[in-house]
Amino acid sequence: MPTPVDVYRRALDFAARAHAGQKMSGSELPYLLHLAHVGAEINFALENEAEGFDENLCLQVGILHDVLEDTDILPEELAREFSEEICLAVQALSKNKKLPKAQQMADSLHRIKANSKETCLVKLADRLVNMSPPPHYWSAARRKAYQEDARMILEVLGGTHAYLEARLAKKIEDYSNYIGEEDGGQ
């Protein structure tokens, strides 16, 4: 049976190829860094509270969570390389771009909650990582909407993992520092 480190490295190698050349939003840093941060959050969360979670599933889904939404990888390829279970979790984490933007988050959260608690944990870790300082070009309204989406994620996925939920709640509170009345928090 592969160790969590083996699983993490295999998923990271696949994600590195899939996301090759992509950069983090508002940065020159490679997108792979975001995936490594999500993996680290998952790892620390599971060190804190692992009972009842499939660690290998959490790590793989965490590293692969954007390959269907942000690359040319097809679900069939992901399922073939990893498993149908991983593919379904990543599909749940991927926004349905056919829906109006205003409906995409609620739809995704519904599918995440219906998938598995591991998928819920990944979404919490992903949003926790994404609650870093927003790009300078985001308006105050966009920053506020992002904070509200984070609140919805926390509310819908509450009861998944107390450690991640507490960290995300604190990040949501701190994110208010980036929201100014007129200047976008700058």
C-alpha atoms as a PDB file:
ATOM      1  CA  MET A   1       0.000   0.000   0.000  1.00  0.00           C
ATOM      2  CA  PRO A   2       1.418   3.415  -0.914  1.00  0.00           C
ATOM      3  CA  THR A   3       2.331   5.781   1.892  1.00  0.00           C
ATOM      4  CA  PRO A   4       0.758   9.250   2.128  1.00  0.00           C
ATOM      5  CA  VAL A   5       4.078  10.699   0.903  1.00  0.00           C
ATOM      6  CA  ASP A   6       4.010   8.434  -2.182  1.00  0.00           C
ATOM      7  CA  VAL A   7       0.406   9.409  -2.879  1.00  0.00           C
ATOM      8  CA  TYR A   8       1.157  13.117  -2.420  1.00  0.00           C
ATOM      9  CA  ARG A   9       4.172  13.017  -4.745  1.00  0.00           C
ATOM     10  CA  ARG A  10       2.333  11.107  -7.479  1.00  0.00           C
ATOM     11  CA  ALA A  11      -0.593  13.539  -7.397  1.00  0.00           C
ATOM     12  CA  LEU A  12       1.762  16.539  -7.283  1.00  0.00           C
ATOM     13  CA  ASP A  13       3.715  15.241 -10.310  1.00  0.00           C
ATOM     14  CA  PHE A  14       0.472  14.815 -12.267  1.00  0.00           C
ATOM     15  CA  ALA A  15      -0.793  18.254 -11.216  1.00  0.00           C
ATOM     16  CA  ALA A  16       2.557  19.857 -12.126  1.00  0.00           C
ATOM     17  CA  ARG A  17       2.266  18.550 -15.675  1.00  0.00           C
ATOM     18  CA  ALA A  18      -1.420  19.502 -15.921  1.00  0.00           C
ATOM     19  CA  HIS A  19      -0.914  23.044 -14.570  1.00  0.00           C
ATOM     20  CA  ALA A  20       2.432  23.649 -16.338  1.00  0.00           C
ATOM     21  CA  GLY A  21       2.930  27.339 -17.091  1.00  0.00           C
ATOM     22  CA  GLN A  22      -0.010  28.516 -14.963  1.00  0.00           C
ATOM     23  CA  LYS A  23       0.548  31.262 -12.386  1.00  0.00           C
ATOM     24  CA  MET A  24      -1.252  32.082  -9.160  1.00  0.00           C
ATOM     25  CA  SER A  25      -3.796  34.886  -9.554  1.00  0.00           C
ATOM     26  CA  GLY A  26      -2.165  38.297  -9.280  1.00  0.00           C
ATOM     27  CA  SER A  27       1.308  36.763  -8.987  1.00  0.00           C
ATOM     28  CA  GLU A  28       4.256  35.426 -10.937  1.00  0.00           C
ATOM     29  CA  LEU A  29       4.439  32.393  -8.658  1.00  0.00           C
ATOM     30  CA  PRO A  30       3.698  29.007 -10.243  1.00  0.00           C
ATOM     31  CA  TYR A  31       0.179  27.685  -9.645  1.00  0.00           C
ATOM     32  CA  LEU A  32       1.678  24.502  -8.236  1.00  0.00           C
ATOM     33  CA  LEU A  33       2.494  26.488  -5.089  1.00  0.00           C
ATOM     34  CA  HIS A  34      -1.249  26.906  -4.400  1.00  0.00           C
ATOM     35  CA  LEU A  35      -1.708  23.134  -4.635  1.00  0.00           C
ATOM     36  CA  ALA A  36       1.239  22.528  -2.305  1.00  0.00           C
ATOM     37  CA  HIS A  37      -0.289  24.976   0.194  1.00  0.00           C
ATOM     38  CA  VAL A  38      -3.627  23.137   0.046  1.00  0.00           C
ATOM     39  CA  GLY A  39      -1.790  19.847   0.570  1.00  0.00           C
ATOM     40  CA  ALA A  40       0.035  21.302   3.578  1.00  0.00           C
ATOM     41  CA  GLU A  41      -3.237  22.528   5.126  1.00  0.00           C
ATOM     42  CA  ILE A  42      -4.740  19.072   4.648  1.00  0.00           C
ATOM     43  CA  ASN A  43      -1.686  17.409   6.171  1.00  0.00           C
ATOM     44  CA  PHE A  44      -1.694  19.697   9.230  1.00  0.00           C
ATOM     45  CA  ALA A  45      -5.459  19.268   9.623  1.00  0.00           C
ATOM     46  CA  LEU A  46      -5.161  15.492   9.569  1.00  0.00           C
ATOM     47  CA  GLU A  47      -2.276  15.574  12.048  1.00  0.00           C
ATOM     48  CA  ASN A  48      -4.643  17.486  14.328  1.00  0.00           C
ATOM     49  CA  GLU A  49      -7.794  15.418  13.709  1.00  0.00           C
ATOM     50  CA  ALA A  50      -7.592  12.402  11.378  1.00  0.00           C
ATOM     51  CA  GLU A  51     -10.157   9.994  12.789  1.00  0.00           C
ATOM     52  CA  GLY A  52     -12.614   8.849  10.156  1.00  0.00           C
ATOM     53  CA  PHE A  53     -10.788  10.455   7.222  1.00  0.00           C
ATOM     54  CA  ASP A  54      -9.043   8.624   4.381  1.00  0.00           C
ATOM     55  CA  GLU A  55      -5.703  10.461   4.389  1.00  0.00           C
ATOM     56  CA  ASN A  56      -4.637   9.268   0.950  1.00  0.00           C
ATOM     57  CA  LEU A  57      -7.951  10.326  -0.587  1.00  0.00           C
ATOM     58  CA  CYS A  58      -7.753  13.751   1.072  1.00  0.00           C
ATOM     59  CA  LEU A  59      -4.211  14.363  -0.158  1.00  0.00           C
ATOM     60  CA  GLN A  60      -4.831  13.228  -3.723  1.00  0.00           C
ATOM     61  CA  VAL A  61      -8.065  15.175  -4.111  1.00  0.00           C
ATOM     62  CA  GLY A  62      -6.469  18.225  -2.501  1.00  0.00           C
ATOM     63  CA  ILE A  63      -3.572  18.280  -4.942  1.00  0.00           C
ATOM     64  CA  LEU A  64      -5.764  17.458  -7.952  1.00  0.00           C
ATOM     65  CA  HIS A  65      -8.761  19.642  -7.032  1.00  0.00           C
ATOM     66  CA  ASP A  66      -8.326  22.099  -9.933  1.00  0.00           C
ATOM     67  CA  VAL A  67      -7.173  19.813 -12.768  1.00  0.00           C
ATOM     68  CA  LEU A  68     -10.625  19.459 -14.322  1.00  0.00           C
ATOM     69  CA  GLU A  69     -11.676  23.089 -13.825  1.00  0.00           C
ATOM     70  CA  ASP A  70      -8.438  24.797 -14.881  1.00  0.00           C
ATOM     71  CA  THR A  71      -6.662  22.467 -17.329  1.00  0.00           C
ATOM     72  CA  ASP A  72      -7.371  20.347 -20.398  1.00  0.00           C
ATOM     73  CA  ILE A  73      -7.423  17.106 -18.372  1.00  0.00           C
ATOM     74  CA  LEU A  74     -10.607  15.145 -19.031  1.00  0.00           C
ATOM     75  CA  PRO A  75     -12.507  13.248 -16.324  1.00  0.00           C
ATOM     76  CA  GLU A  76     -11.782   9.953 -18.092  1.00  0.00           C
ATOM     77  CA  GLU A  77      -8.037  10.615 -17.944  1.00  0.00           C
ATOM     78  CA  LEU A  78      -8.158  11.551 -14.266  1.00  0.00           C
ATOM     79  CA  ALA A  79     -10.187   8.431 -13.422  1.00  0.00           C
ATOM     80  CA  ARG A  80      -7.794   6.240 -15.413  1.00  0.00           C
ATOM     81  CA  GLU A  81      -4.691   7.723 -13.752  1.00  0.00           C
ATOM     82  CA  PHE A  82      -6.089   7.709 -10.216  1.00  0.00           C
ATOM     83  CA  SER A  83      -9.591   6.330  -9.581  1.00  0.00           C
ATOM     84  CA  GLU A  84     -13.253   6.960 -10.234  1.00  0.00           C
ATOM     85  CA  GLU A  85     -13.632   8.018  -6.584  1.00  0.00           C
ATOM     86  CA  ILE A  86     -10.964  10.708  -6.970  1.00  0.00           C
ATOM     87  CA  CYS A  87     -12.417  11.840 -10.280  1.00  0.00           C
ATOM     88  CA  LEU A  88     -15.902  12.230  -8.779  1.00  0.00           C
ATOM     89  CA  ALA A  89     -14.504  14.225  -5.858  1.00  0.00           C
ATOM     90  CA  VAL A  90     -12.575  16.548  -8.187  1.00  0.00           C
ATOM     91  CA  GLN A  91     -15.683  16.956 -10.353  1.00  0.00           C
ATOM     92  CA  ALA A  92     -17.664  17.957  -7.254  1.00  0.00           C
ATOM     93  CA  LEU A  93     -15.003  20.567  -6.442  1.00  0.00           C
ATOM     94  CA  SER A  94     -15.121  21.970  -9.987  1.00  0.00           C
ATOM     95  CA  LYS A  95     -17.524  24.785 -10.741  1.00  0.00           C
ATOM     96  CA  ASN A  96     -20.099  24.133 -13.451  1.00  0.00           C
ATOM     97  CA  LYS A  97     -19.256  26.935 -15.907  1.00  0.00           C
ATOM     98  CA  LYS A  98     -22.538  26.324 -17.754  1.00  0.00           C
ATOM     99  CA  LEU A  99     -24.449  27.797 -14.810  1.00  0.00           C
ATOM    100  CA  PRO A 100     -24.719  31.544 -14.189  1.00  0.00           C
ATOM    101  CA  LYS A 101     -21.777  32.687 -12.037  1.00  0.00           C
ATOM    102  CA  ALA A 102     -24.122  33.560  -9.163  1.00  0.00           C
ATOM    103  CA  GLN A 103     -25.259  29.905  -8.951  1.00  0.00           C
ATOM    104  CA  GLN A 104     -21.900  28.174  -9.358  1.00  0.00           C
ATOM    105  CA  MET A 105     -20.764  28.224  -5.710  1.00  0.00           C
ATOM    106  CA  ALA A 106     -24.052  26.932  -4.278  1.00  0.00           C
ATOM    107  CA  ASP A 107     -24.165  24.195  -6.918  1.00  0.00           C
ATOM    108  CA  SER A 108     -20.580  23.170  -6.207  1.00  0.00           C
ATOM    109  CA  LEU A 109     -21.148  23.126  -2.437  1.00  0.00           C
ATOM    110  CA  HIS A 110     -24.221  20.934  -2.908  1.00  0.00           C
ATOM    111  CA  ARG A 111     -22.164  18.445  -4.962  1.00  0.00           C
ATOM    112  CA  ILE A 112     -19.233  18.598  -2.518  1.00  0.00           C
ATOM    113  CA  LYS A 113     -21.471  17.873   0.475  1.00  0.00           C
ATOM    114  CA  ALA A 114     -23.095  14.967  -1.398  1.00  0.00           C
ATOM    115  CA  ASN A 115     -19.700  13.461  -2.324  1.00  0.00           C
ATOM    116  CA  SER A 116     -17.679  12.740   0.844  1.00  0.00           C
ATOM    117  CA  LYS A 117     -16.350  14.294   4.010  1.00  0.00           C
ATOM    118  CA  GLU A 118     -12.878  14.142   2.442  1.00  0.00           C
ATOM    119  CA  THR A 119     -14.128  16.350  -0.398  1.00  0.00           C
ATOM    120  CA  CYS A 120     -15.610  18.750   2.167  1.00  0.00           C
ATOM    121  CA  LEU A 121     -12.266  18.861   3.985  1.00  0.00           C
ATOM    122  CA  VAL A 122     -10.464  19.700   0.723  1.00  0.00           C
ATOM    123  CA  LYS A 123     -12.850  22.591   0.017  1.00  0.00           C
ATOM    124  CA  LEU A 124     -12.297  23.999   3.503  1.00  0.00           C
ATOM    125  CA  ALA A 125      -8.508  23.756   3.053  1.00  0.00           C
ATOM    126  CA  ASP A 126      -8.671  25.320  -0.419  1.00  0.00           C
ATOM    127  CA  ARG A 127     -10.689  28.313   0.749  1.00  0.00           C
ATOM    128  CA  LEU A 128      -8.461  28.703   3.802  1.00  0.00           C
ATOM    129  CA  VAL A 129      -5.433  28.977   1.499  1.00  0.00           C
ATOM    130  CA  ASN A 130      -7.301  31.366  -0.797  1.00  0.00           C
ATOM    131  CA  MET A 131      -8.108  33.761   2.062  1.00  0.00           C
ATOM    132  CA  SER A 132      -4.671  35.344   1.713  1.00  0.00           C
ATOM    133  CA  PRO A 133      -4.412  39.024   0.731  1.00  0.00           C
ATOM    134  CA  PRO A 134      -6.514  39.571  -2.408  1.00  0.00           C
ATOM    135  CA  PRO A 135      -5.014  40.869  -5.653  1.00  0.00           C
ATOM    136  CA  HIS A 136      -4.579  44.659  -5.539  1.00  0.00           C
ATOM    137  CA  TYR A 137      -6.907  45.124  -8.509  1.00  0.00           C
ATOM    138  CA  TRP A 138      -9.946  43.583  -6.767  1.00  0.00           C
ATOM    139  CA  SER A 139     -12.608  46.130  -5.875  1.00  0.00           C
ATOM    140  CA  ALA A 140     -14.014  46.385  -2.355  1.00  0.00           C
ATOM    141  CA  ALA A 141     -17.235  44.808  -3.657  1.00  0.00           C
ATOM    142  CA  ARG A 142     -15.363  41.820  -5.081  1.00  0.00           C
ATOM    143  CA  ARG A 143     -13.419  41.379  -1.843  1.00  0.00           C
ATOM    144  CA  LYS A 144     -16.657  41.514   0.163  1.00  0.00           C
ATOM    145  CA  ALA A 145     -18.300  38.960  -2.154  1.00  0.00           C
ATOM    146  CA  TYR A 146     -15.295  36.658  -1.734  1.00  0.00           C
ATOM    147  CA  GLN A 147     -15.587  36.939   2.032  1.00  0.00           C
ATOM    148  CA  GLU A 148     -19.322  36.157   1.813  1.00  0.00           C
ATOM    149  CA  ASP A 149     -18.598  33.088  -0.331  1.00  0.00           C
ATOM    150  CA  ALA A 150     -16.159  31.939   2.356  1.00  0.00           C
ATOM    151  CA  ARG A 151     -18.858  32.376   4.993  1.00  0.00           C
ATOM    152  CA  MET A 152     -21.236  30.276   2.879  1.00  0.00           C
ATOM    153  CA  ILE A 153     -18.587  27.551   2.503  1.00  0.00           C
ATOM    154  CA  LEU A 154     -18.040  27.497   6.259  1.00  0.00           C
ATOM    155  CA  GLU A 155     -21.778  27.376   6.959  1.00  0.00           C
ATOM    156  CA  VAL A 156     -22.598  24.651   4.424  1.00  0.00           C
ATOM    157  CA  LEU A 157     -19.579  22.467   5.241  1.00  0.00           C
ATOM    158  CA  GLY A 158     -19.690  23.061   8.991  1.00  0.00           C
ATOM    159  CA  GLY A 159     -19.300  19.895  11.030  1.00  0.00           C
ATOM    160  CA  THR A 160     -16.651  18.458   8.711  1.00  0.00           C
ATOM    161  CA  HIS A 161     -13.412  19.235  10.557  1.00  0.00           C
ATOM    162  CA  ALA A 162     -13.300  21.478  13.649  1.00  0.00           C
ATOM    163  CA  TYR A 163      -9.630  22.464  13.243  1.00  0.00           C
ATOM    164  CA  LEU A 164     -10.039  23.667   9.645  1.00  0.00           C
ATOM    165  CA  GLU A 165     -13.341  25.343  10.436  1.00  0.00           C
ATOM    166  CA  ALA A 166     -11.779  27.335  13.287  1.00  0.00           C
ATOM    167  CA  ARG A 167      -8.862  28.396  11.077  1.00  0.00           C
ATOM    168  CA  LEU A 168     -11.185  29.403   8.254  1.00  0.00           C
ATOM    169  CA  ALA A 169     -13.477  31.352  10.606  1.00  0.00           C
ATOM    170  CA  LYS A 170     -10.451  33.337  11.830  1.00  0.00           C
ATOM    171  CA  LYS A 171      -9.285  33.993   8.239  1.00  0.00           C
ATOM    172  CA  ILE A 172     -12.781  35.202   7.312  1.00  0.00           C
ATOM    173  CA  GLU A 173     -12.755  37.585  10.270  1.00  0.00           C
ATOM    174  CA  ASP A 174      -9.251  38.837   9.391  1.00  0.00           C
ATOM    175  CA  TYR A 175     -10.237  39.281   5.734  1.00  0.00           C
ATOM    176  CA  SER A 176     -12.328  42.282   6.780  1.00  0.00           C
ATOM    177  CA  ASN A 177      -9.014  44.167   6.958  1.00  0.00           C
ATOM    178  CA  TYR A 178      -8.846  43.965   3.141  1.00  0.00           C
ATOM    179  CA  ILE A 179     -12.277  45.497   2.644  1.00  0.00           C
ATOM    180  CA  GLY A 180     -12.335  49.284   2.722  1.00  0.00           C
ATOM    181  CA  GLU A 181     -15.260  51.600   2.247  1.00  0.00           C
ATOM    182  CA  GLU A 182     -14.037  53.109  -1.017  1.00  0.00           C
ATOM    183  CA  ASP A 183     -10.467  52.082  -1.730  1.00  0.00           C
ATOM    184  CA  GLY A 184     -10.732  48.271  -1.753  1.00  0.00           C
ATOM    185  CA  GLY A 185      -8.906  48.053   1.558  1.00  0.00           C
ATOM    186  CA  GLN A 186      -5.717  49.663   0.305  1.00  0.00           C
END
